[in-house]
Amino acid sequence: MNTTRILAGALVAIAAAGGGVLANHLLNGDPEVAHAAQPGSTQSAVEQLWTAPVTNVEGKPQSLSLLKGHPIVVNFWASWCGPCVEEMPALSQLQREYAKKGIQFVGLGVDSDKNVQAFLQKVKVAYPVYVTGFGGADLARAFGNTAGGLPFTVVIDAKGNIRSTKLGQIDPQALKQTLDAL
């Protein structure tokens, strides 16, 4: 009787593991194929950014396409993400410093309108913040954030080329070097 239960449990475990492998393959694709496709997909990531459904903090639809043709720093963040909140003062300072060079910082909240609005009532930032909802995680993945972590920062030059990406908190000095090279 115990042998039957053990065998049944083993079969269930094997089936579950196989299902997990299959689901991972279907959802994430073959890692080597995804890696090979990455150079071509970076441009499409920028195009996805211009057409991404975003709202302002009041919930009104906005278009990021107005930023097309300008160097931008896109910071994916969430109100519940401690490292995201910690780097916001540095990002605000850099926005003030680089605004005169025509570089625009943009925050994309991978969060709800309500959470972003409540957060921005308490914490002021020197750059526009839009809400992407949890679809912002898909957009960040298009830029190479396969881990799905936050914060995630992307620097795009005026020609629409991705100049750098950073998963985790920014290093202000490293970001300055990238921005100075634009």
N, C-alpha and C. Protein backbone atom coordinates (compact mmCIF):
# COMPACT_ATOMS: atom_id res chain seq x y z
N MET A 1 0.82 -1.19 0.00
CA MET A 1 0.00 0.00 0.00
C MET A 1 0.87 1.26 0.00
N ASN A 2 1.90 1.31 0.84
CA ASN A 2 2.80 2.46 0.86
C ASN A 2 3.56 2.57 -0.44
N THR A 3 3.91 1.44 -1.04
CA THR A 3 4.62 1.45 -2.31
C THR A 3 3.75 2.07 -3.39
N THR A 4 2.47 1.78 -3.38
CA THR A 4 1.54 2.34 -4.36
C THR A 4 1.46 3.86 -4.20
N ARG A 5 1.38 4.30 -2.96
CA ARG A 5 1.31 5.75 -2.71
C ARG A 5 2.61 6.44 -3.14
N ILE A 6 3.72 5.81 -2.86
CA ILE A 6 5.02 6.39 -3.23
C ILE A 6 5.13 6.48 -4.75
N LEU A 7 4.74 5.41 -5.44
CA LEU A 7 4.78 5.43 -6.91
C LEU A 7 3.83 6.48 -7.48
N ALA A 8 2.63 6.56 -6.90
CA ALA A 8 1.66 7.56 -7.37
C ALA A 8 2.20 8.97 -7.15
N GLY A 9 2.81 9.19 -5.97
CA GLY A 9 3.40 10.50 -5.68
C GLY A 9 4.54 10.83 -6.61
N ALA A 10 5.36 9.83 -6.92
CA ALA A 10 6.48 10.04 -7.85
C ALA A 10 5.97 10.39 -9.23
N LEU A 11 4.93 9.71 -9.69
CA LEU A 11 4.36 10.01 -11.01
C LEU A 11 3.79 11.43 -11.06
N VAL A 12 3.11 11.83 -9.99
CA VAL A 12 2.56 13.19 -9.94
C VAL A 12 3.71 14.20 -9.97
N ALA A 13 4.78 13.94 -9.22
CA ALA A 13 5.92 14.86 -9.20
C ALA A 13 6.58 14.95 -10.57
N ILE A 14 6.74 13.82 -11.25
CA ILE A 14 7.34 13.82 -12.58
C ILE A 14 6.46 14.57 -13.57
N ALA A 15 5.15 14.33 -13.48
CA ALA A 15 4.22 15.03 -14.37
C ALA A 15 4.25 16.54 -14.12
N ALA A 16 4.30 16.93 -12.84
CA ALA A 16 4.34 18.36 -12.50
C ALA A 16 5.64 19.00 -13.00
N ALA A 17 6.75 18.31 -12.81
CA ALA A 17 8.03 18.86 -13.29
C ALA A 17 8.03 18.99 -14.80
N GLY A 18 7.52 17.97 -15.49
CA GLY A 18 7.43 18.03 -16.95
C GLY A 18 6.53 19.17 -17.41
N GLY A 19 5.42 19.35 -16.71
CA GLY A 19 4.51 20.45 -17.04
C GLY A 19 5.17 21.80 -16.82
N GLY A 20 5.97 21.90 -15.75
CA GLY A 20 6.67 23.15 -15.48
C GLY A 20 7.69 23.47 -16.55
N VAL A 21 8.44 22.45 -16.99
CA VAL A 21 9.42 22.64 -18.06
C VAL A 21 8.71 23.06 -19.35
N LEU A 22 7.61 22.39 -19.67
CA LEU A 22 6.84 22.72 -20.88
C LEU A 22 6.29 24.14 -20.80
N ALA A 23 5.72 24.50 -19.64
CA ALA A 23 5.16 25.85 -19.48
C ALA A 23 6.25 26.90 -19.62
N ASN A 24 7.41 26.66 -19.01
CA ASN A 24 8.52 27.60 -19.12
C ASN A 24 8.95 27.76 -20.57
N HIS A 25 9.04 26.65 -21.28
CA HIS A 25 9.44 26.71 -22.69
C HIS A 25 8.41 27.48 -23.52
N LEU A 26 7.13 27.23 -23.27
CA LEU A 26 6.09 27.91 -24.04
C LEU A 26 6.01 29.39 -23.71
N LEU A 27 6.18 29.74 -22.43
CA LEU A 27 6.07 31.14 -22.02
C LEU A 27 7.32 31.94 -22.35
N ASN A 28 8.49 31.34 -22.17
CA ASN A 28 9.73 32.08 -22.34
C ASN A 28 10.48 31.73 -23.61
N GLY A 29 10.05 30.70 -24.30
CA GLY A 29 10.72 30.31 -25.52
C GLY A 29 12.05 29.63 -25.22
N ASP A 30 12.70 29.22 -26.26
CA ASP A 30 13.99 28.59 -26.15
C ASP A 30 15.01 29.67 -25.82
N PRO A 31 15.77 29.55 -24.70
CA PRO A 31 16.70 30.61 -24.33
C PRO A 31 17.71 30.94 -25.42
N GLU A 32 18.19 29.95 -26.16
CA GLU A 32 19.16 30.24 -27.21
C GLU A 32 18.52 31.01 -28.36
N VAL A 33 17.28 30.67 -28.67
CA VAL A 33 16.57 31.39 -29.73
C VAL A 33 16.31 32.82 -29.27
N ALA A 34 15.87 32.99 -28.01
CA ALA A 34 15.60 34.34 -27.49
C ALA A 34 16.87 35.16 -27.50
N HIS A 35 17.99 34.55 -27.10
CA HIS A 35 19.26 35.28 -27.08
C HIS A 35 19.68 35.68 -28.50
N ALA A 36 19.49 34.78 -29.45
CA ALA A 36 19.86 35.09 -30.83
C ALA A 36 18.99 36.20 -31.40
N ALA A 37 17.75 36.28 -30.95
CA ALA A 37 16.83 37.28 -31.49
C ALA A 37 16.99 38.64 -30.81
N GLN A 38 17.73 38.69 -29.71
CA GLN A 38 17.81 39.91 -28.94
C GLN A 38 18.29 41.13 -29.72
N PRO A 39 19.35 41.06 -30.55
CA PRO A 39 19.76 42.27 -31.25
C PRO A 39 18.65 42.88 -32.10
N GLY A 40 17.88 42.08 -32.79
CA GLY A 40 16.79 42.61 -33.59
C GLY A 40 15.64 43.10 -32.75
N SER A 41 15.48 42.53 -31.56
CA SER A 41 14.33 42.88 -30.74
C SER A 41 14.54 44.17 -29.96
N THR A 42 15.80 44.64 -29.83
CA THR A 42 16.01 45.87 -29.09
C THR A 42 15.37 47.06 -29.80
N GLN A 43 15.45 47.10 -31.11
CA GLN A 43 14.80 48.19 -31.83
C GLN A 43 13.29 48.08 -31.67
N SER A 44 12.76 46.88 -31.75
CA SER A 44 11.33 46.74 -31.59
C SER A 44 10.91 47.10 -30.16
N ALA A 45 11.81 46.94 -29.19
CA ALA A 45 11.51 47.36 -27.82
C ALA A 45 11.30 48.87 -27.77
N VAL A 46 12.13 49.62 -28.48
CA VAL A 46 11.97 51.07 -28.51
C VAL A 46 10.65 51.43 -29.20
N GLU A 47 10.34 50.73 -30.28
CA GLU A 47 9.05 50.97 -30.96
C GLU A 47 7.89 50.63 -30.03
N GLN A 48 8.04 49.56 -29.25
CA GLN A 48 7.00 49.20 -28.28
C GLN A 48 6.82 50.30 -27.24
N LEU A 49 7.94 50.92 -26.85
CA LEU A 49 7.87 52.01 -25.87
C LEU A 49 7.02 53.15 -26.40
N TRP A 50 7.24 53.52 -27.67
CA TRP A 50 6.50 54.66 -28.23
C TRP A 50 5.01 54.38 -28.30
N THR A 51 4.63 53.13 -28.42
CA THR A 51 3.20 52.80 -28.56
C THR A 51 2.61 52.18 -27.31
N ALA A 52 3.39 52.08 -26.23
CA ALA A 52 2.93 51.44 -25.00
C ALA A 52 1.72 52.18 -24.42
N PRO A 53 0.74 51.42 -23.95
CA PRO A 53 -0.41 52.06 -23.30
C PRO A 53 -0.03 52.54 -21.90
N VAL A 54 0.10 53.83 -21.73
CA VAL A 54 0.43 54.41 -20.43
C VAL A 54 -0.62 55.46 -20.09
N THR A 55 -0.70 55.74 -18.80
CA THR A 55 -1.59 56.81 -18.34
C THR A 55 -0.78 57.74 -17.45
N ASN A 56 -1.29 58.97 -17.32
CA ASN A 56 -0.67 59.85 -16.34
C ASN A 56 -1.21 59.44 -14.97
N VAL A 57 -0.76 60.11 -13.91
CA VAL A 57 -1.17 59.70 -12.57
C VAL A 57 -2.65 59.93 -12.30
N GLU A 58 -3.30 60.72 -13.14
CA GLU A 58 -4.75 60.91 -13.00
C GLU A 58 -5.53 59.84 -13.77
N GLY A 59 -4.82 58.94 -14.44
CA GLY A 59 -5.48 57.86 -15.17
C GLY A 59 -5.83 58.20 -16.61
N LYS A 60 -5.35 59.33 -17.12
CA LYS A 60 -5.66 59.73 -18.50
C LYS A 60 -4.62 59.13 -19.45
N PRO A 61 -5.06 58.54 -20.55
CA PRO A 61 -4.13 57.94 -21.52
C PRO A 61 -3.13 58.97 -22.05
N GLN A 62 -1.89 58.55 -22.17
CA GLN A 62 -0.81 59.39 -22.66
C GLN A 62 -0.07 58.65 -23.76
N SER A 63 0.78 59.38 -24.49
CA SER A 63 1.59 58.76 -25.53
C SER A 63 3.05 59.12 -25.30
N LEU A 64 3.89 58.11 -25.23
CA LEU A 64 5.32 58.36 -25.09
C LEU A 64 5.96 58.71 -26.42
N SER A 65 5.20 58.61 -27.51
CA SER A 65 5.76 58.91 -28.83
C SER A 65 6.22 60.36 -28.94
N LEU A 66 5.72 61.23 -28.07
CA LEU A 66 6.16 62.62 -28.06
C LEU A 66 7.65 62.74 -27.72
N LEU A 67 8.20 61.70 -27.09
CA LEU A 67 9.61 61.71 -26.71
C LEU A 67 10.52 61.19 -27.81
N LYS A 68 9.91 60.67 -28.86
CA LYS A 68 10.67 60.13 -29.98
C LYS A 68 11.58 61.22 -30.56
N GLY A 69 12.82 60.86 -30.85
CA GLY A 69 13.77 61.82 -31.41
C GLY A 69 14.54 62.59 -30.36
N HIS A 70 14.32 62.27 -29.08
CA HIS A 70 15.03 62.92 -27.98
C HIS A 70 15.74 61.86 -27.15
N PRO A 71 16.88 62.19 -26.58
CA PRO A 71 17.51 61.23 -25.67
C PRO A 71 16.68 61.12 -24.39
N ILE A 72 16.43 59.88 -23.97
CA ILE A 72 15.61 59.69 -22.77
C ILE A 72 16.21 58.62 -21.86
N VAL A 73 15.88 58.75 -20.60
CA VAL A 73 16.22 57.76 -19.59
C VAL A 73 14.89 57.25 -19.06
N VAL A 74 14.63 55.98 -19.26
CA VAL A 74 13.37 55.37 -18.83
C VAL A 74 13.65 54.52 -17.60
N ASN A 75 12.95 54.81 -16.53
CA ASN A 75 13.14 54.08 -15.28
C ASN A 75 11.85 53.34 -14.93
N PHE A 76 11.92 52.01 -14.99
CA PHE A 76 10.79 51.16 -14.58
C PHE A 76 10.89 50.99 -13.06
N TRP A 77 9.79 51.24 -12.36
CA TRP A 77 9.81 51.21 -10.91
C TRP A 77 8.43 50.83 -10.38
N ALA A 78 8.34 50.66 -9.08
CA ALA A 78 7.05 50.43 -8.42
C ALA A 78 7.11 51.03 -7.02
N SER A 79 5.96 51.42 -6.52
CA SER A 79 5.90 52.07 -5.20
C SER A 79 6.31 51.13 -4.07
N TRP A 80 6.14 49.85 -4.27
CA TRP A 80 6.46 48.84 -3.25
C TRP A 80 7.91 48.37 -3.32
N CYS A 81 8.69 48.90 -4.27
CA CYS A 81 10.07 48.47 -4.51
C CYS A 81 11.02 49.41 -3.77
N GLY A 82 11.62 48.93 -2.67
CA GLY A 82 12.53 49.75 -1.87
C GLY A 82 13.68 50.36 -2.65
N PRO A 83 14.43 49.56 -3.44
CA PRO A 83 15.54 50.14 -4.21
C PRO A 83 15.06 51.19 -5.23
N CYS A 84 13.85 51.02 -5.75
CA CYS A 84 13.30 52.00 -6.70
C CYS A 84 13.14 53.35 -6.00
N VAL A 85 12.55 53.31 -4.82
CA VAL A 85 12.30 54.53 -4.06
C VAL A 85 13.62 55.18 -3.64
N GLU A 86 14.59 54.36 -3.27
CA GLU A 86 15.89 54.88 -2.83
C GLU A 86 16.62 55.63 -3.93
N GLU A 87 16.46 55.21 -5.20
CA GLU A 87 17.22 55.86 -6.27
C GLU A 87 16.51 57.08 -6.85
N MET A 88 15.27 57.32 -6.48
CA MET A 88 14.52 58.44 -7.06
C MET A 88 15.15 59.81 -6.82
N PRO A 89 15.68 60.09 -5.64
CA PRO A 89 16.34 61.41 -5.48
C PRO A 89 17.52 61.58 -6.43
N ALA A 90 18.31 60.53 -6.64
CA ALA A 90 19.44 60.62 -7.57
C ALA A 90 18.95 60.82 -9.00
N LEU A 91 17.89 60.12 -9.38
CA LEU A 91 17.33 60.30 -10.73
C LEU A 91 16.80 61.72 -10.90
N SER A 92 16.14 62.24 -9.87
CA SER A 92 15.63 63.62 -9.93
C SER A 92 16.77 64.61 -10.08
N GLN A 93 17.84 64.41 -9.33
CA GLN A 93 19.00 65.30 -9.43
C GLN A 93 19.61 65.24 -10.82
N LEU A 94 19.74 64.04 -11.37
CA LEU A 94 20.29 63.90 -12.72
C LEU A 94 19.36 64.54 -13.76
N GLN A 95 18.05 64.44 -13.57
CA GLN A 95 17.12 65.10 -14.50
C GLN A 95 17.35 66.60 -14.50
N ARG A 96 17.47 67.17 -13.31
CA ARG A 96 17.71 68.62 -13.22
C ARG A 96 19.04 68.99 -13.89
N GLU A 97 20.05 68.16 -13.70
CA GLU A 97 21.37 68.42 -14.25
C GLU A 97 21.42 68.28 -15.77
N TYR A 98 20.73 67.29 -16.32
CA TYR A 98 20.83 66.99 -17.74
C TYR A 98 19.68 67.57 -18.57
N ALA A 99 18.73 68.22 -17.95
CA ALA A 99 17.62 68.82 -18.70
C ALA A 99 18.14 69.85 -19.70
N LYS A 100 19.17 70.60 -19.29
CA LYS A 100 19.72 71.63 -20.18
C LYS A 100 20.38 71.02 -21.42
N LYS A 101 20.71 69.73 -21.37
CA LYS A 101 21.27 69.03 -22.53
C LYS A 101 20.18 68.35 -23.35
N GLY A 102 18.93 68.57 -22.97
CA GLY A 102 17.81 68.00 -23.72
C GLY A 102 17.51 66.55 -23.40
N ILE A 103 18.06 66.04 -22.30
CA ILE A 103 17.80 64.65 -21.91
C ILE A 103 16.60 64.62 -20.97
N GLN A 104 15.63 63.78 -21.30
CA GLN A 104 14.41 63.69 -20.50
C GLN A 104 14.37 62.36 -19.76
N PHE A 105 14.16 62.42 -18.47
CA PHE A 105 13.94 61.23 -17.66
C PHE A 105 12.45 60.97 -17.59
N VAL A 106 12.07 59.69 -17.56
CA VAL A 106 10.67 59.29 -17.48
C VAL A 106 10.57 58.11 -16.53
N GLY A 107 9.63 58.17 -15.61
CA GLY A 107 9.37 57.05 -14.72
C GLY A 107 8.17 56.27 -15.23
N LEU A 108 8.30 54.96 -15.33
CA LEU A 108 7.18 54.10 -15.73
C LEU A 108 6.83 53.21 -14.55
N GLY A 109 5.72 53.51 -13.92
CA GLY A 109 5.28 52.77 -12.75
C GLY A 109 4.65 51.44 -13.13
N VAL A 110 5.32 50.37 -12.75
CA VAL A 110 4.80 49.02 -12.96
C VAL A 110 3.96 48.74 -11.71
N ASP A 111 2.83 49.40 -11.66
CA ASP A 111 2.03 49.47 -10.45
C ASP A 111 0.63 49.94 -10.83
N SER A 112 -0.23 50.12 -9.86
CA SER A 112 -1.58 50.62 -10.12
C SER A 112 -1.60 52.15 -10.10
N ASP A 113 -2.59 52.74 -10.78
CA ASP A 113 -2.75 54.20 -10.76
C ASP A 113 -2.83 54.70 -9.32
N LYS A 114 -3.62 54.01 -8.53
CA LYS A 114 -3.86 54.42 -7.14
C LYS A 114 -2.56 54.42 -6.33
N ASN A 115 -1.75 53.37 -6.46
CA ASN A 115 -0.49 53.30 -5.71
C ASN A 115 0.49 54.38 -6.16
N VAL A 116 0.59 54.59 -7.47
CA VAL A 116 1.52 55.60 -7.99
C VAL A 116 1.07 56.99 -7.55
N GLN A 117 -0.23 57.25 -7.64
CA GLN A 117 -0.75 58.56 -7.25
C GLN A 117 -0.49 58.82 -5.76
N ALA A 118 -0.77 57.84 -4.91
CA ALA A 118 -0.54 58.00 -3.47
C ALA A 118 0.95 58.21 -3.18
N PHE A 119 1.79 57.47 -3.88
CA PHE A 119 3.24 57.60 -3.68
C PHE A 119 3.71 59.00 -4.05
N LEU A 120 3.27 59.50 -5.20
CA LEU A 120 3.73 60.80 -5.67
C LEU A 120 3.18 61.96 -4.84
N GLN A 121 2.15 61.70 -4.03
CA GLN A 121 1.68 62.73 -3.09
C GLN A 121 2.71 62.94 -1.98
N LYS A 122 3.43 61.86 -1.66
CA LYS A 122 4.42 61.90 -0.58
C LYS A 122 5.83 62.23 -1.08
N VAL A 123 6.17 61.71 -2.27
CA VAL A 123 7.52 61.85 -2.80
C VAL A 123 7.45 62.60 -4.13
N LYS A 124 8.12 63.73 -4.19
CA LYS A 124 8.13 64.52 -5.43
C LYS A 124 9.34 64.13 -6.26
N VAL A 125 9.12 63.99 -7.56
CA VAL A 125 10.22 63.70 -8.47
C VAL A 125 10.26 64.79 -9.54
N ALA A 126 11.44 64.99 -10.12
CA ALA A 126 11.66 66.09 -11.06
C ALA A 126 11.44 65.68 -12.51
N TYR A 127 10.77 64.58 -12.73
CA TYR A 127 10.52 64.09 -14.09
C TYR A 127 9.12 63.50 -14.15
N PRO A 128 8.55 63.42 -15.36
CA PRO A 128 7.20 62.87 -15.47
C PRO A 128 7.15 61.38 -15.15
N VAL A 129 6.07 61.00 -14.50
CA VAL A 129 5.85 59.59 -14.16
C VAL A 129 4.55 59.16 -14.80
N TYR A 130 4.61 58.03 -15.47
CA TYR A 130 3.43 57.44 -16.10
C TYR A 130 3.20 56.06 -15.50
N VAL A 131 2.00 55.57 -15.66
CA VAL A 131 1.64 54.26 -15.13
C VAL A 131 1.49 53.29 -16.29
N THR A 132 2.19 52.16 -16.19
CA THR A 132 2.08 51.11 -17.21
C THR A 132 1.28 49.93 -16.70
N GLY A 133 1.00 49.92 -15.40
CA GLY A 133 0.39 48.74 -14.81
C GLY A 133 1.39 47.60 -14.89
N PHE A 134 0.90 46.40 -14.71
CA PHE A 134 1.82 45.28 -14.70
C PHE A 134 2.26 44.88 -16.10
N GLY A 135 1.66 45.48 -17.14
CA GLY A 135 2.12 45.29 -18.51
C GLY A 135 3.49 45.92 -18.72
N GLY A 136 3.88 46.81 -17.83
CA GLY A 136 5.21 47.41 -17.90
C GLY A 136 6.32 46.38 -17.75
N ALA A 137 6.02 45.30 -17.05
CA ALA A 137 7.02 44.23 -16.90
C ALA A 137 7.32 43.59 -18.25
N ASP A 138 6.28 43.44 -19.09
CA ASP A 138 6.49 42.90 -20.44
C ASP A 138 7.34 43.85 -21.28
N LEU A 139 7.07 45.14 -21.14
CA LEU A 139 7.85 46.13 -21.87
C LEU A 139 9.32 46.10 -21.41
N ALA A 140 9.54 46.00 -20.11
CA ALA A 140 10.91 45.92 -19.60
C ALA A 140 11.60 44.65 -20.11
N ARG A 141 10.86 43.55 -20.22
CA ARG A 141 11.43 42.31 -20.76
C ARG A 141 11.87 42.50 -22.21
N ALA A 142 11.10 43.29 -22.96
CA ALA A 142 11.46 43.56 -24.36
C ALA A 142 12.81 44.26 -24.44
N PHE A 143 13.17 45.01 -23.40
CA PHE A 143 14.45 45.69 -23.34
C PHE A 143 15.56 44.81 -22.77
N GLY A 144 15.24 43.55 -22.48
CA GLY A 144 16.26 42.63 -22.00
C GLY A 144 16.20 42.29 -20.53
N ASN A 145 15.21 42.81 -19.81
CA ASN A 145 15.07 42.52 -18.39
C ASN A 145 14.37 41.17 -18.21
N THR A 146 15.09 40.10 -18.53
CA THR A 146 14.50 38.77 -18.47
C THR A 146 14.19 38.34 -17.04
N ALA A 147 14.88 38.92 -16.06
CA ALA A 147 14.63 38.58 -14.66
C ALA A 147 13.32 39.19 -14.16
N GLY A 148 12.85 40.23 -14.83
CA GLY A 148 11.61 40.89 -14.41
C GLY A 148 11.77 41.70 -13.14
N GLY A 149 13.01 42.02 -12.77
CA GLY A 149 13.26 42.77 -11.53
C GLY A 149 13.12 44.26 -11.71
N LEU A 150 13.01 44.94 -10.58
CA LEU A 150 12.93 46.39 -10.53
C LEU A 150 13.91 46.88 -9.48
N PRO A 151 14.41 48.09 -9.63
CA PRO A 151 14.25 49.01 -10.75
C PRO A 151 15.03 48.53 -11.98
N PHE A 152 14.62 49.06 -13.11
CA PHE A 152 15.27 48.75 -14.38
C PHE A 152 15.32 50.05 -15.17
N THR A 153 16.51 50.43 -15.61
CA THR A 153 16.69 51.72 -16.27
C THR A 153 17.28 51.52 -17.66
N VAL A 154 16.72 52.24 -18.63
CA VAL A 154 17.16 52.15 -20.03
C VAL A 154 17.50 53.56 -20.52
N VAL A 155 18.64 53.68 -21.17
CA VAL A 155 19.03 54.96 -21.79
C VAL A 155 18.91 54.78 -23.29
N ILE A 156 18.13 55.67 -23.92
CA ILE A 156 17.90 55.63 -25.37
C ILE A 156 18.35 56.96 -25.95
N ASP A 157 19.18 56.89 -27.01
CA ASP A 157 19.66 58.13 -27.61
C ASP A 157 18.61 58.72 -28.55
N ALA A 158 18.90 59.89 -29.10
CA ALA A 158 17.94 60.60 -29.94
C ALA A 158 17.58 59.83 -31.21
N LYS A 159 18.45 58.92 -31.65
CA LYS A 159 18.18 58.12 -32.84
C LYS A 159 17.37 56.87 -32.53
N GLY A 160 17.06 56.65 -31.25
CA GLY A 160 16.29 55.47 -30.87
C GLY A 160 17.13 54.25 -30.57
N ASN A 161 18.44 54.45 -30.41
CA ASN A 161 19.33 53.33 -30.07
C ASN A 161 19.44 53.19 -28.56
N ILE A 162 19.41 51.97 -28.10
CA ILE A 162 19.57 51.71 -26.67
C ILE A 162 21.06 51.82 -26.35
N ARG A 163 21.39 52.74 -25.47
CA ARG A 163 22.79 52.97 -25.12
C ARG A 163 23.20 52.21 -23.87
N SER A 164 22.25 51.97 -22.96
CA SER A 164 22.57 51.16 -21.78
C SER A 164 21.28 50.69 -21.12
N THR A 165 21.41 49.59 -20.39
CA THR A 165 20.32 49.10 -19.54
C THR A 165 20.94 48.74 -18.20
N LYS A 166 20.17 48.88 -17.15
CA LYS A 166 20.68 48.58 -15.82
C LYS A 166 19.55 47.99 -14.99
N LEU A 167 19.74 46.74 -14.55
CA LEU A 167 18.82 46.11 -13.62
C LEU A 167 19.35 46.37 -12.22
N GLY A 168 18.52 46.89 -11.37
CA GLY A 168 18.94 47.26 -10.01
C GLY A 168 19.15 48.76 -9.94
N GLN A 169 19.53 49.22 -8.75
CA GLN A 169 19.73 50.65 -8.56
C GLN A 169 20.82 51.19 -9.46
N ILE A 170 20.59 52.39 -9.93
CA ILE A 170 21.58 53.04 -10.79
C ILE A 170 22.82 53.41 -9.98
N ASP A 171 23.93 53.50 -10.67
CA ASP A 171 25.15 54.09 -10.14
C ASP A 171 25.20 55.46 -10.80
N PRO A 172 24.95 56.54 -10.05
CA PRO A 172 24.88 57.86 -10.67
C PRO A 172 26.09 58.21 -11.53
N GLN A 173 27.29 57.84 -11.09
CA GLN A 173 28.49 58.16 -11.86
C GLN A 173 28.51 57.41 -13.19
N ALA A 174 28.14 56.14 -13.17
CA ALA A 174 28.11 55.35 -14.41
C ALA A 174 27.04 55.90 -15.35
N LEU A 175 25.90 56.29 -14.80
CA LEU A 175 24.84 56.86 -15.63
C LEU A 175 25.29 58.19 -16.22
N LYS A 176 26.00 58.99 -15.46
CA LYS A 176 26.53 60.28 -15.97
C LYS A 176 27.46 60.04 -17.15
N GLN A 177 28.32 59.02 -17.05
CA GLN A 177 29.24 58.72 -18.16
C GLN A 177 28.46 58.38 -19.42
N THR A 178 27.41 57.58 -19.28
CA THR A 178 26.57 57.23 -20.44
C THR A 178 25.89 58.47 -21.00
N LEU A 179 25.35 59.31 -20.13
CA LEU A 179 24.65 60.51 -20.58
C LEU A 179 25.60 61.52 -21.20
N ASP A 180 26.81 61.62 -20.68
CA ASP A 180 27.80 62.55 -21.25
C ASP A 180 28.22 62.13 -22.65
N ALA A 181 28.10 60.84 -22.96
CA ALA A 181 28.49 60.33 -24.27
C ALA A 181 27.38 60.49 -25.31
N LEU A 182 26.19 60.91 -24.89
CA LEU A 182 25.07 61.07 -25.86
C LEU A 182 25.27 62.29 -26.74
